Amino acid sequence: MTEHDQNIRELIPLAYEELRRVARSRVAQCRPGGTLSPTDLVNEVLLRLLKYTGQQYNGADHLVRVAAEAMHNVLIDRARRRMAAKRGGRRQRIDFDDELPIAAPADDMLIFHEACEAIRTRSEPHFELLLLRIYAGLSTEEIATQRGQSTRTVERQWRSIKALLCESLGRRSAAPA
């Protein structure tokens, strides 16, 4: 067994319930009638993470952060397959939900992904904050603690991220389909 295998196998039991909570929250945002359960999502993410043999995790929090991005990628892959032209897919506008910082229904996942990638291009730390907030469902305080920042700094960064998303999604929805 490699060092990576031992590392992740020790952390999975510690992070599994948190990953299921995150997955439940994420799957609940997807359209009703979907075939992906929170358990399926967590299992698919863990299988992907087990394939990355070079990755070492510095505790359960680090595994959850990496898994949040992997969940994002799994859901994007599924949305791409579902939205493929041969399946009659089409794109729609994304609306913000005040209860969650941002909610992207499954049908809008590709547009949301493009907006996220625009943020990633501008700032990898902002992209990580976006993943922690949306996919991991962490609060401002939890993110501040994990990143060793003040809550004011995280709140300021979050406002900036939301503005960038609004700008990116606004331009996307204004473009002809």
C-alpha atoms as a PDB file:
ATOM      1  CA  MET A   1       0.000   0.000   0.000  1.00  0.00           C
ATOM      2  CA  THR A   2       1.400   3.387  -1.001  1.00  0.00           C
ATOM      3  CA  GLU A   3       1.750   6.338   1.365  1.00  0.00           C
ATOM      4  CA  HIS A   4      -1.110   8.072  -0.493  1.00  0.00           C
ATOM      5  CA  ASP A   5      -3.406   5.052  -0.080  1.00  0.00           C
ATOM      6  CA  GLN A   6      -2.685   4.858   3.628  1.00  0.00           C
ATOM      7  CA  ASN A   7      -3.156   8.615   4.063  1.00  0.00           C
ATOM      8  CA  ILE A   8      -6.543   8.782   2.329  1.00  0.00           C
ATOM      9  CA  ARG A   9      -7.805   5.532   3.868  1.00  0.00           C
ATOM     10  CA  GLU A  10      -7.112   6.929   7.343  1.00  0.00           C
ATOM     11  CA  LEU A  11      -8.897  10.208   6.548  1.00  0.00           C
ATOM     12  CA  ILE A  12     -12.002   8.868   4.794  1.00  0.00           C
ATOM     13  CA  PRO A  13     -13.694   7.663   8.004  1.00  0.00           C
ATOM     14  CA  LEU A  14     -12.963  11.021   9.639  1.00  0.00           C
ATOM     15  CA  ALA A  15     -14.351  13.043   6.728  1.00  0.00           C
ATOM     16  CA  TYR A  16     -17.100  10.725   5.435  1.00  0.00           C
ATOM     17  CA  GLU A  17     -20.040  12.203   7.360  1.00  0.00           C
ATOM     18  CA  GLU A  18     -18.989  15.751   6.466  1.00  0.00           C
ATOM     19  CA  LEU A  19     -18.695  14.715   2.819  1.00  0.00           C
ATOM     20  CA  ARG A  20     -22.190  13.188   2.941  1.00  0.00           C
ATOM     21  CA  ARG A  21     -23.556  16.413   4.468  1.00  0.00           C
ATOM     22  CA  VAL A  22     -21.958  18.432   1.692  1.00  0.00           C
ATOM     23  CA  ALA A  23     -23.252  16.004  -0.943  1.00  0.00           C
ATOM     24  CA  ARG A  24     -26.802  16.079   0.504  1.00  0.00           C
ATOM     25  CA  SER A  25     -26.779  19.854   0.293  1.00  0.00           C
ATOM     26  CA  ARG A  26     -25.438  19.819  -3.258  1.00  0.00           C
ATOM     27  CA  VAL A  27     -27.799  17.109  -4.545  1.00  0.00           C
ATOM     28  CA  ALA A  28     -30.759  18.938  -2.977  1.00  0.00           C
ATOM     29  CA  GLN A  29     -29.932  21.930  -5.206  1.00  0.00           C
ATOM     30  CA  CYS A  30     -30.095  19.803  -8.337  1.00  0.00           C
ATOM     31  CA  ARG A  31     -33.298  19.270 -10.217  1.00  0.00           C
ATOM     32  CA  PRO A  32     -35.854  16.838  -8.747  1.00  0.00           C
ATOM     33  CA  GLY A  33     -35.923  13.353 -10.194  1.00  0.00           C
ATOM     34  CA  GLY A  34     -32.163  13.178 -10.618  1.00  0.00           C
ATOM     35  CA  THR A  35     -30.549   9.786 -10.307  1.00  0.00           C
ATOM     36  CA  LEU A  36     -27.543  10.851  -8.256  1.00  0.00           C
ATOM     37  CA  SER A  37     -27.864  10.263  -4.526  1.00  0.00           C
ATOM     38  CA  PRO A  38     -25.581  11.900  -1.945  1.00  0.00           C
ATOM     39  CA  THR A  39     -23.986   8.510  -1.265  1.00  0.00           C
ATOM     40  CA  ASP A  40     -23.363   7.985  -4.986  1.00  0.00           C
ATOM     41  CA  LEU A  41     -21.795  11.431  -5.245  1.00  0.00           C
ATOM     42  CA  VAL A  42     -19.503  10.853  -2.251  1.00  0.00           C
ATOM     43  CA  ASN A  43     -18.499   7.417  -3.534  1.00  0.00           C
ATOM     44  CA  GLU A  44     -17.728   8.741  -7.013  1.00  0.00           C
ATOM     45  CA  VAL A  45     -15.667  11.558  -5.510  1.00  0.00           C
ATOM     46  CA  LEU A  46     -13.740   9.183  -3.254  1.00  0.00           C
ATOM     47  CA  LEU A  47     -13.016   6.879  -6.197  1.00  0.00           C
ATOM     48  CA  ARG A  48     -11.629   9.834  -8.130  1.00  0.00           C
ATOM     49  CA  LEU A  49      -9.505  10.914  -5.177  1.00  0.00           C
ATOM     50  CA  LEU A  50      -8.127   7.403  -4.722  1.00  0.00           C
ATOM     51  CA  LYS A  51      -6.836   7.554  -8.319  1.00  0.00           C
ATOM     52  CA  TYR A  52      -4.675  10.617  -7.577  1.00  0.00           C
ATOM     53  CA  THR A  53      -1.683   8.798  -6.161  1.00  0.00           C
ATOM     54  CA  GLY A  54       0.509  11.877  -5.718  1.00  0.00           C
ATOM     55  CA  GLN A  55      -1.881  13.773  -3.433  1.00  0.00           C
ATOM     56  CA  GLN A  56      -1.275  13.861   0.317  1.00  0.00           C
ATOM     57  CA  TYR A  57      -3.965  15.255   2.616  1.00  0.00           C
ATOM     58  CA  ASN A  58      -3.187  17.319   5.696  1.00  0.00           C
ATOM     59  CA  GLY A  59      -6.127  16.181   7.775  1.00  0.00           C
ATOM     60  CA  ALA A  60      -9.852  15.700   7.231  1.00  0.00           C
ATOM     61  CA  ASP A  61     -10.458  19.416   6.527  1.00  0.00           C
ATOM     62  CA  HIS A  62      -8.007  19.312   3.633  1.00  0.00           C
ATOM     63  CA  LEU A  63      -9.683  16.174   2.254  1.00  0.00           C
ATOM     64  CA  VAL A  64     -13.093  17.910   2.436  1.00  0.00           C
ATOM     65  CA  ARG A  65     -11.712  20.954   0.552  1.00  0.00           C
ATOM     66  CA  VAL A  66     -10.270  18.756  -2.192  1.00  0.00           C
ATOM     67  CA  ALA A  67     -13.465  16.673  -2.283  1.00  0.00           C
ATOM     68  CA  ALA A  68     -15.567  19.835  -2.696  1.00  0.00           C
ATOM     69  CA  GLU A  69     -13.748  20.600  -5.934  1.00  0.00           C
ATOM     70  CA  ALA A  70     -14.087  16.970  -7.015  1.00  0.00           C
ATOM     71  CA  MET A  71     -17.875  17.186  -6.370  1.00  0.00           C
ATOM     72  CA  HIS A  72     -17.970  20.269  -8.543  1.00  0.00           C
ATOM     73  CA  ASN A  73     -16.192  18.343 -11.310  1.00  0.00           C
ATOM     74  CA  VAL A  74     -18.462  15.288 -10.998  1.00  0.00           C
ATOM     75  CA  LEU A  75     -21.582  17.447 -11.246  1.00  0.00           C
ATOM     76  CA  ILE A  76     -20.159  19.383 -14.199  1.00  0.00           C
ATOM     77  CA  ASP A  77     -19.335  16.140 -16.005  1.00  0.00           C
ATOM     78  CA  ARG A  78     -22.870  14.869 -15.425  1.00  0.00           C
ATOM     79  CA  ALA A  79     -24.373  18.171 -16.576  1.00  0.00           C
ATOM     80  CA  ARG A  80     -22.274  18.105 -19.742  1.00  0.00           C
ATOM     81  CA  ARG A  81     -23.463  14.617 -20.576  1.00  0.00           C
ATOM     82  CA  ARG A  82     -27.084  15.545 -19.893  1.00  0.00           C
ATOM     83  CA  MET A  83     -26.889  18.800 -21.811  1.00  0.00           C
ATOM     84  CA  ALA A  84     -25.223  17.310 -24.874  1.00  0.00           C
ATOM     85  CA  ALA A  85     -26.894  18.435 -28.089  1.00  0.00           C
ATOM     86  CA  LYS A  86     -27.771  14.883 -29.070  1.00  0.00           C
ATOM     87  CA  ARG A  87     -29.870  14.671 -25.913  1.00  0.00           C
ATOM     88  CA  GLY A  88     -31.712  17.889 -26.732  1.00  0.00           C
ATOM     89  CA  GLY A  89     -29.846  19.931 -24.150  1.00  0.00           C
ATOM     90  CA  ARG A  90     -30.043  23.692 -23.928  1.00  0.00           C
ATOM     91  CA  ARG A  91     -28.658  26.399 -21.681  1.00  0.00           C
ATOM     92  CA  GLN A  92     -30.642  28.599 -19.337  1.00  0.00           C
ATOM     93  CA  ARG A  93     -29.992  31.647 -17.176  1.00  0.00           C
ATOM     94  CA  ILE A  94     -28.930  31.190 -13.535  1.00  0.00           C
ATOM     95  CA  ASP A  95     -30.719  33.063 -10.758  1.00  0.00           C
ATOM     96  CA  PHE A  96     -29.261  33.732  -7.328  1.00  0.00           C
ATOM     97  CA  ASP A  97     -30.913  32.296  -4.244  1.00  0.00           C
ATOM     98  CA  ASP A  98     -30.752  34.459  -1.112  1.00  0.00           C
ATOM     99  CA  GLU A  99     -30.852  31.510   1.286  1.00  0.00           C
ATOM    100  CA  LEU A 100     -27.761  29.898  -0.184  1.00  0.00           C
ATOM    101  CA  PRO A 101     -25.053  32.267  -1.305  1.00  0.00           C
ATOM    102  CA  ILE A 102     -25.507  30.970  -4.860  1.00  0.00           C
ATOM    103  CA  ALA A 103     -27.567  28.053  -6.104  1.00  0.00           C
ATOM    104  CA  ALA A 104     -27.090  26.556  -9.525  1.00  0.00           C
ATOM    105  CA  PRO A 105     -29.811  24.128 -10.584  1.00  0.00           C
ATOM    106  CA  ALA A 106     -28.491  21.183 -12.545  1.00  0.00           C
ATOM    107  CA  ASP A 107     -29.837  22.546 -15.835  1.00  0.00           C
ATOM    108  CA  ASP A 108     -27.773  25.695 -15.336  1.00  0.00           C
ATOM    109  CA  MET A 109     -24.632  23.955 -14.137  1.00  0.00           C
ATOM    110  CA  LEU A 110     -22.607  24.535 -17.306  1.00  0.00           C
ATOM    111  CA  ILE A 111     -23.241  28.280 -17.302  1.00  0.00           C
ATOM    112  CA  PHE A 112     -22.359  28.395 -13.619  1.00  0.00           C
ATOM    113  CA  HIS A 113     -19.214  26.359 -14.295  1.00  0.00           C
ATOM    114  CA  GLU A 114     -18.091  28.880 -16.932  1.00  0.00           C
ATOM    115  CA  ALA A 115     -18.548  31.685 -14.393  1.00  0.00           C
ATOM    116  CA  CYS A 116     -16.567  29.713 -11.795  1.00  0.00           C
ATOM    117  CA  GLU A 117     -13.758  29.116 -14.276  1.00  0.00           C
ATOM    118  CA  ALA A 118     -13.631  32.858 -14.970  1.00  0.00           C
ATOM    119  CA  ILE A 119     -13.072  33.379 -11.238  1.00  0.00           C
ATOM    120  CA  ARG A 120     -10.444  30.626 -11.163  1.00  0.00           C
ATOM    121  CA  THR A 121      -8.596  32.377 -14.000  1.00  0.00           C
ATOM    122  CA  ARG A 122      -8.545  35.636 -12.043  1.00  0.00           C
ATOM    123  CA  SER A 123      -7.757  34.195  -8.605  1.00  0.00           C
ATOM    124  CA  GLU A 124      -7.212  30.619  -7.459  1.00  0.00           C
ATOM    125  CA  PRO A 125      -7.755  31.596  -3.759  1.00  0.00           C
ATOM    126  CA  HIS A 126     -11.123  33.165  -4.666  1.00  0.00           C
ATOM    127  CA  PHE A 127     -12.061  30.001  -6.564  1.00  0.00           C
ATOM    128  CA  GLU A 128     -11.183  27.906  -3.505  1.00  0.00           C
ATOM    129  CA  LEU A 129     -13.344  30.159  -1.313  1.00  0.00           C
ATOM    130  CA  LEU A 130     -16.197  29.740  -3.813  1.00  0.00           C
ATOM    131  CA  LEU A 131     -15.882  25.954  -3.615  1.00  0.00           C
ATOM    132  CA  LEU A 132     -15.774  25.978   0.169  1.00  0.00           C
ATOM    133  CA  ARG A 133     -18.840  28.205   0.364  1.00  0.00           C
ATOM    134  CA  ILE A 134     -20.967  26.546  -2.325  1.00  0.00           C
ATOM    135  CA  TYR A 135     -19.888  22.930  -2.461  1.00  0.00           C
ATOM    136  CA  ALA A 136     -18.603  22.336   1.032  1.00  0.00           C
ATOM    137  CA  GLY A 137     -21.317  24.555   2.532  1.00  0.00           C
ATOM    138  CA  LEU A 138     -18.928  26.119   5.028  1.00  0.00           C
ATOM    139  CA  SER A 139     -19.838  29.304   6.840  1.00  0.00           C
ATOM    140  CA  THR A 140     -17.744  32.455   6.704  1.00  0.00           C
ATOM    141  CA  GLU A 141     -16.366  31.655  10.157  1.00  0.00           C
ATOM    142  CA  GLU A 142     -15.433  28.083   9.188  1.00  0.00           C
ATOM    143  CA  ILE A 143     -13.684  29.283   6.032  1.00  0.00           C
ATOM    144  CA  ALA A 144     -11.828  31.983   7.972  1.00  0.00           C
ATOM    145  CA  THR A 145     -10.622  29.407  10.493  1.00  0.00           C
ATOM    146  CA  GLN A 146      -9.490  26.963   7.790  1.00  0.00           C
ATOM    147  CA  ARG A 147      -7.676  29.652   5.833  1.00  0.00           C
ATOM    148  CA  GLY A 148      -6.214  31.470   8.840  1.00  0.00           C
ATOM    149  CA  GLN A 149      -7.966  34.716   7.868  1.00  0.00           C
ATOM    150  CA  SER A 150     -10.315  37.085   9.641  1.00  0.00           C
ATOM    151  CA  THR A 151     -14.052  36.776   8.986  1.00  0.00           C
ATOM    152  CA  ARG A 152     -14.017  40.339   7.623  1.00  0.00           C
ATOM    153  CA  THR A 153     -11.429  39.337   5.018  1.00  0.00           C
ATOM    154  CA  VAL A 154     -13.484  36.301   3.978  1.00  0.00           C
ATOM    155  CA  GLU A 155     -16.672  38.399   3.830  1.00  0.00           C
ATOM    156  CA  ARG A 156     -14.912  41.012   1.675  1.00  0.00           C
ATOM    157  CA  GLN A 157     -13.584  38.305  -0.642  1.00  0.00           C
ATOM    158  CA  TRP A 158     -17.039  36.701  -0.833  1.00  0.00           C
ATOM    159  CA  ARG A 159     -18.627  40.027  -1.853  1.00  0.00           C
ATOM    160  CA  SER A 160     -16.000  40.336  -4.567  1.00  0.00           C
ATOM    161  CA  ILE A 161     -16.687  36.793  -5.770  1.00  0.00           C
ATOM    162  CA  LYS A 162     -20.435  37.405  -5.898  1.00  0.00           C
ATOM    163  CA  ALA A 163     -19.878  40.588  -7.905  1.00  0.00           C
ATOM    164  CA  LEU A 164     -17.659  38.720 -10.356  1.00  0.00           C
ATOM    165  CA  LEU A 165     -20.271  35.979 -10.689  1.00  0.00           C
ATOM    166  CA  CYS A 166     -23.057  38.501 -11.284  1.00  0.00           C
ATOM    167  CA  GLU A 167     -20.930  40.233 -13.900  1.00  0.00           C
ATOM    168  CA  SER A 168     -20.005  36.976 -15.632  1.00  0.00           C
ATOM    169  CA  LEU A 169     -23.512  35.519 -15.510  1.00  0.00           C
ATOM    170  CA  GLY A 170     -25.045  38.803 -16.609  1.00  0.00           C
ATOM    171  CA  ARG A 171     -22.855  38.906 -19.691  1.00  0.00           C
ATOM    172  CA  ARG A 172     -23.619  35.239 -20.405  1.00  0.00           C
ATOM    173  CA  SER A 173     -27.397  35.655 -20.107  1.00  0.00           C
ATOM    174  CA  ALA A 174     -27.311  38.751 -22.330  1.00  0.00           C
ATOM    175  CA  ALA A 175     -25.554  36.851 -25.128  1.00  0.00           C
ATOM    176  CA  PRO A 176     -27.808  35.377 -27.809  1.00  0.00           C
ATOM    177  CA  ALA A 177     -28.359  31.641 -27.417  1.00  0.00           C
END
